[in-house]
């Protein structure tokens, strides 16, 4: 007789209780040979040994980083620790441009500088260790300081990398 654990192909069946399970629920084992179907939250997922699933990116667009005092903002929707700032520009620059990052508009996080003579597509990064912890509803302000030479406007695409 074939053992249940050795079944394959057409002999397989849906998990026990699947017909009564709510849409979007998963089967959670209780460790004693049984379990229940339920929805789980982010905090209930064991990420031990997983790679690539513990970070998330949030994008931010700054329309003109050459205008001193001009800022862009990102609202944080999911809790996490900000571990990296990155920016890329869409045009060459003839002067240093600094992007300064603050938490809730007042707590300094750090800055990245895109140097004089940088071509279109130039990037700058800043790794934060330790990371800066954010809760939902808090925000990041990105203020620009730049010169007036060269092209009229330079925009930047900014990536904020968080640990969950």
C-alpha atoms as a PDB file:
ATOM      1  CA  UNK A   1       0.000   0.000   0.000  1.00  0.00           C
ATOM      2  CA  UNK A   2       1.296   3.518  -0.900  1.00  0.00           C
ATOM      3  CA  UNK A   3       1.991   5.816   2.037  1.00  0.00           C
ATOM      4  CA  UNK A   4       0.064   9.112   2.010  1.00  0.00           C
ATOM      5  CA  UNK A   5       3.333  11.082   2.091  1.00  0.00           C
ATOM      6  CA  UNK A   6       4.453   9.323  -1.135  1.00  0.00           C
ATOM      7  CA  UNK A   7       1.432  10.307  -3.273  1.00  0.00           C
ATOM      8  CA  UNK A   8       2.159  12.200  -6.509  1.00  0.00           C
ATOM      9  CA  UNK A   9       0.364  13.683  -9.519  1.00  0.00           C
ATOM     10  CA  UNK A  10      -3.329  12.825  -9.904  1.00  0.00           C
ATOM     11  CA  UNK A  11      -3.331  11.021  -6.518  1.00  0.00           C
ATOM     12  CA  UNK A  12      -2.759  14.322  -4.686  1.00  0.00           C
ATOM     13  CA  UNK A  13      -5.666  16.222  -3.154  1.00  0.00           C
ATOM     14  CA  UNK A  14      -6.313  19.716  -1.835  1.00  0.00           C
ATOM     15  CA  UNK A  15      -5.270  20.333   1.778  1.00  0.00           C
ATOM     16  CA  UNK A  16      -7.721  19.367   4.530  1.00  0.00           C
ATOM     17  CA  UNK A  17     -10.332  22.064   5.152  1.00  0.00           C
ATOM     18  CA  UNK A  18      -9.613  24.071   1.995  1.00  0.00           C
ATOM     19  CA  UNK A  19     -13.296  24.241   0.999  1.00  0.00           C
ATOM     20  CA  UNK A  20     -14.092  26.216   4.166  1.00  0.00           C
ATOM     21  CA  UNK A  21     -11.015  28.482   4.010  1.00  0.00           C
ATOM     22  CA  UNK A  22     -11.528  32.188   3.418  1.00  0.00           C
ATOM     23  CA  UNK A  23      -9.989  33.790   0.319  1.00  0.00           C
ATOM     24  CA  UNK A  24      -6.468  35.010   1.057  1.00  0.00           C
ATOM     25  CA  UNK A  25      -5.967  32.744   4.053  1.00  0.00           C
ATOM     26  CA  UNK A  26      -3.114  30.281   4.550  1.00  0.00           C
ATOM     27  CA  UNK A  27      -2.812  27.065   6.504  1.00  0.00           C
ATOM     28  CA  UNK A  28      -0.835  27.592   9.714  1.00  0.00           C
ATOM     29  CA  UNK A  29       0.528  24.484  11.405  1.00  0.00           C
ATOM     30  CA  UNK A  30       0.295  24.209  15.175  1.00  0.00           C
ATOM     31  CA  UNK A  31       3.322  21.889  15.329  1.00  0.00           C
ATOM     32  CA  UNK A  32       1.258  18.959  16.623  1.00  0.00           C
ATOM     33  CA  UNK A  33       0.040  17.542  13.303  1.00  0.00           C
ATOM     34  CA  UNK A  34      -2.870  19.948  12.854  1.00  0.00           C
ATOM     35  CA  UNK A  35      -3.496  23.618  12.189  1.00  0.00           C
ATOM     36  CA  UNK A  36      -5.966  26.241  11.044  1.00  0.00           C
ATOM     37  CA  UNK A  37      -6.694  28.362   7.989  1.00  0.00           C
ATOM     38  CA  UNK A  38      -6.245  32.076   8.727  1.00  0.00           C
ATOM     39  CA  UNK A  39      -5.015  35.371   7.400  1.00  0.00           C
ATOM     40  CA  UNK A  40      -1.564  36.292   8.647  1.00  0.00           C
ATOM     41  CA  UNK A  41       0.112  39.633   9.153  1.00  0.00           C
ATOM     42  CA  UNK A  42       3.569  40.716   8.078  1.00  0.00           C
ATOM     43  CA  UNK A  43       4.929  40.214  11.604  1.00  0.00           C
ATOM     44  CA  UNK A  44       3.869  36.536  11.578  1.00  0.00           C
ATOM     45  CA  UNK A  45       6.050  35.560   8.610  1.00  0.00           C
ATOM     46  CA  UNK A  46       9.291  33.796   9.539  1.00  0.00           C
ATOM     47  CA  UNK A  47      11.946  35.188   7.184  1.00  0.00           C
ATOM     48  CA  UNK A  48      14.790  33.108   8.618  1.00  0.00           C
ATOM     49  CA  UNK A  49      17.083  32.079   5.778  1.00  0.00           C
ATOM     50  CA  UNK A  50      15.269  34.181   3.174  1.00  0.00           C
ATOM     51  CA  UNK A  51      17.149  36.720   1.108  1.00  0.00           C
ATOM     52  CA  UNK A  52      15.735  39.587  -0.916  1.00  0.00           C
ATOM     53  CA  UNK A  53      12.482  39.688   1.061  1.00  0.00           C
ATOM     54  CA  UNK A  54      13.669  41.682   4.039  1.00  0.00           C
ATOM     55  CA  UNK A  55      14.102  45.021   2.266  1.00  0.00           C
ATOM     56  CA  UNK A  56      11.766  47.263   0.313  1.00  0.00           C
ATOM     57  CA  UNK A  57      12.276  50.356  -1.802  1.00  0.00           C
ATOM     58  CA  UNK A  58      10.262  53.528  -1.858  1.00  0.00           C
ATOM     59  CA  UNK A  59      10.689  55.894  -4.795  1.00  0.00           C
ATOM     60  CA  UNK A  60      10.579  59.661  -4.667  1.00  0.00           C
ATOM     61  CA  UNK A  61      10.812  62.173  -7.527  1.00  0.00           C
ATOM     62  CA  UNK A  62      12.332  65.619  -7.033  1.00  0.00           C
ATOM     63  CA  UNK A  63      11.419  67.867 -10.002  1.00  0.00           C
ATOM     64  CA  UNK A  64      14.218  70.451  -9.675  1.00  0.00           C
ATOM     65  CA  UNK A  65      17.203  69.812  -7.452  1.00  0.00           C
ATOM     66  CA  UNK A  66      18.941  73.006  -8.680  1.00  0.00           C
ATOM     67  CA  UNK A  67      16.581  75.281  -6.790  1.00  0.00           C
ATOM     68  CA  UNK A  68      17.857  75.909  -3.273  1.00  0.00           C
ATOM     69  CA  UNK A  69      15.165  75.335  -0.667  1.00  0.00           C
ATOM     70  CA  UNK A  70      12.949  73.343  -3.035  1.00  0.00           C
ATOM     71  CA  UNK A  71      11.917  70.115  -1.306  1.00  0.00           C
ATOM     72  CA  UNK A  72      10.215  66.834  -2.071  1.00  0.00           C
ATOM     73  CA  UNK A  73       8.455  64.618   0.463  1.00  0.00           C
ATOM     74  CA  UNK A  74       7.644  60.943   0.985  1.00  0.00           C
ATOM     75  CA  UNK A  75       5.118  59.669   3.520  1.00  0.00           C
ATOM     76  CA  UNK A  76       6.063  56.405   5.198  1.00  0.00           C
ATOM     77  CA  UNK A  77       3.217  53.887   5.043  1.00  0.00           C
ATOM     78  CA  UNK A  78       4.867  50.751   6.487  1.00  0.00           C
ATOM     79  CA  UNK A  79       7.184  50.644   9.515  1.00  0.00           C
ATOM     80  CA  UNK A  80      10.838  49.977   8.841  1.00  0.00           C
ATOM     81  CA  UNK A  81      14.416  51.112   9.204  1.00  0.00           C
ATOM     82  CA  UNK A  82      15.842  53.352   6.464  1.00  0.00           C
ATOM     83  CA  UNK A  83      19.214  51.849   5.525  1.00  0.00           C
ATOM     84  CA  UNK A  84      20.154  53.478   2.193  1.00  0.00           C
ATOM     85  CA  UNK A  85      19.596  56.699   0.258  1.00  0.00           C
ATOM     86  CA  UNK A  86      20.254  56.831  -3.476  1.00  0.00           C
ATOM     87  CA  UNK A  87      19.741  59.462  -6.160  1.00  0.00           C
ATOM     88  CA  UNK A  88      20.181  59.628  -9.925  1.00  0.00           C
ATOM     89  CA  UNK A  89      20.013  62.809 -12.033  1.00  0.00           C
ATOM     90  CA  UNK A  90      18.455  63.343 -15.465  1.00  0.00           C
ATOM     91  CA  UNK A  91      20.908  65.956 -16.827  1.00  0.00           C
ATOM     92  CA  UNK A  92      24.559  66.967 -16.507  1.00  0.00           C
ATOM     93  CA  UNK A  93      25.441  69.383 -13.720  1.00  0.00           C
ATOM     94  CA  UNK A  94      27.959  72.219 -13.732  1.00  0.00           C
ATOM     95  CA  UNK A  95      28.047  72.601  -9.936  1.00  0.00           C
ATOM     96  CA  UNK A  96      27.779  70.466  -6.807  1.00  0.00           C
ATOM     97  CA  UNK A  97      24.223  69.567  -5.895  1.00  0.00           C
ATOM     98  CA  UNK A  98      23.476  68.364  -2.374  1.00  0.00           C
ATOM     99  CA  UNK A  99      20.357  66.475  -1.403  1.00  0.00           C
ATOM    100  CA  UNK A 100      19.754  66.658   2.348  1.00  0.00           C
ATOM    101  CA  UNK A 101      17.424  64.111   3.949  1.00  0.00           C
ATOM    102  CA  UNK A 102      15.515  64.759   7.179  1.00  0.00           C
ATOM    103  CA  UNK A 103      13.035  62.744   9.220  1.00  0.00           C
ATOM    104  CA  UNK A 104       9.771  64.619   9.770  1.00  0.00           C
ATOM    105  CA  UNK A 105      11.417  67.782   8.419  1.00  0.00           C
ATOM    106  CA  UNK A 106      13.729  68.319  11.400  1.00  0.00           C
ATOM    107  CA  UNK A 107      15.881  65.298  12.344  1.00  0.00           C
ATOM    108  CA  UNK A 108      18.951  65.131  10.082  1.00  0.00           C
ATOM    109  CA  UNK A 109      19.417  61.757   8.371  1.00  0.00           C
ATOM    110  CA  UNK A 110      22.267  62.590   6.000  1.00  0.00           C
ATOM    111  CA  UNK A 111      23.118  64.011   2.600  1.00  0.00           C
ATOM    112  CA  UNK A 112      24.320  62.889  -0.804  1.00  0.00           C
ATOM    113  CA  UNK A 113      26.311  65.080  -3.183  1.00  0.00           C
ATOM    114  CA  UNK A 114      26.257  64.910  -6.955  1.00  0.00           C
ATOM    115  CA  UNK A 115      29.540  66.567  -7.907  1.00  0.00           C
ATOM    116  CA  UNK A 116      30.349  69.296 -10.394  1.00  0.00           C
ATOM    117  CA  UNK A 117      30.699  67.963 -13.932  1.00  0.00           C
ATOM    118  CA  UNK A 118      28.572  64.881 -13.314  1.00  0.00           C
ATOM    119  CA  UNK A 119      26.887  63.640 -16.524  1.00  0.00           C
ATOM    120  CA  UNK A 120      23.261  62.671 -16.990  1.00  0.00           C
ATOM    121  CA  UNK A 121      22.589  59.394 -15.161  1.00  0.00           C
ATOM    122  CA  UNK A 122      25.098  60.075 -12.386  1.00  0.00           C
ATOM    123  CA  UNK A 123      24.267  58.440  -9.062  1.00  0.00           C
ATOM    124  CA  UNK A 124      25.121  58.977  -5.414  1.00  0.00           C
ATOM    125  CA  UNK A 125      24.496  56.683  -2.446  1.00  0.00           C
ATOM    126  CA  UNK A 126      24.590  56.852   1.333  1.00  0.00           C
ATOM    127  CA  UNK A 127      24.361  53.735   3.498  1.00  0.00           C
ATOM    128  CA  UNK A 128      22.986  54.323   6.993  1.00  0.00           C
ATOM    129  CA  UNK A 129      24.305  52.179   9.830  1.00  0.00           C
ATOM    130  CA  UNK A 130      22.463  51.995  12.057  1.00  0.00           C
ATOM    131  CA  UNK A 131      19.312  52.583  10.074  1.00  0.00           C
ATOM    132  CA  UNK A 132      16.797  55.304  10.915  1.00  0.00           C
ATOM    133  CA  UNK A 133      13.538  53.836  12.248  1.00  0.00           C
ATOM    134  CA  UNK A 134      10.262  55.120  10.761  1.00  0.00           C
ATOM    135  CA  UNK A 135       6.653  54.502  11.738  1.00  0.00           C
ATOM    136  CA  UNK A 136       3.603  54.867   9.491  1.00  0.00           C
ATOM    137  CA  UNK A 137       2.597  58.503   9.062  1.00  0.00           C
ATOM    138  CA  UNK A 138       6.106  59.889   9.489  1.00  0.00           C
ATOM    139  CA  UNK A 139       7.786  61.477   6.469  1.00  0.00           C
ATOM    140  CA  UNK A 140      11.097  62.095   4.757  1.00  0.00           C
ATOM    141  CA  UNK A 141      11.935  65.545   3.416  1.00  0.00           C
ATOM    142  CA  UNK A 142      14.532  65.868   0.648  1.00  0.00           C
ATOM    143  CA  UNK A 143      15.836  69.419   0.303  1.00  0.00           C
ATOM    144  CA  UNK A 144      18.103  70.481  -2.545  1.00  0.00           C
ATOM    145  CA  UNK A 145      20.906  72.985  -2.644  1.00  0.00           C
ATOM    146  CA  UNK A 146      22.290  73.718  -6.067  1.00  0.00           C
ATOM    147  CA  UNK A 147      23.651  76.485  -8.225  1.00  0.00           C
ATOM    148  CA  UNK A 148      22.169  78.472 -11.043  1.00  0.00           C
ATOM    149  CA  UNK A 149      24.581  77.592 -13.870  1.00  0.00           C
ATOM    150  CA  UNK A 150      24.057  75.145 -16.715  1.00  0.00           C
ATOM    151  CA  UNK A 151      20.644  73.782 -17.609  1.00  0.00           C
ATOM    152  CA  UNK A 152      17.487  75.312 -16.156  1.00  0.00           C
ATOM    153  CA  UNK A 153      16.386  72.300 -14.161  1.00  0.00           C
ATOM    154  CA  UNK A 154      17.745  68.932 -13.105  1.00  0.00           C
ATOM    155  CA  UNK A 155      15.363  66.377 -11.685  1.00  0.00           C
ATOM    156  CA  UNK A 156      16.323  63.427  -9.507  1.00  0.00           C
ATOM    157  CA  UNK A 157      14.835  60.020  -8.952  1.00  0.00           C
ATOM    158  CA  UNK A 158      15.474  59.019  -5.369  1.00  0.00           C
ATOM    159  CA  UNK A 159      15.323  55.535  -3.836  1.00  0.00           C
ATOM    160  CA  UNK A 160      14.815  54.985  -0.131  1.00  0.00           C
ATOM    161  CA  UNK A 161      15.738  51.456   0.961  1.00  0.00           C
ATOM    162  CA  UNK A 162      14.175  50.085   4.156  1.00  0.00           C
ATOM    163  CA  UNK A 163      14.645  46.959   6.238  1.00  0.00           C
ATOM    164  CA  UNK A 164      11.223  45.632   7.194  1.00  0.00           C
END
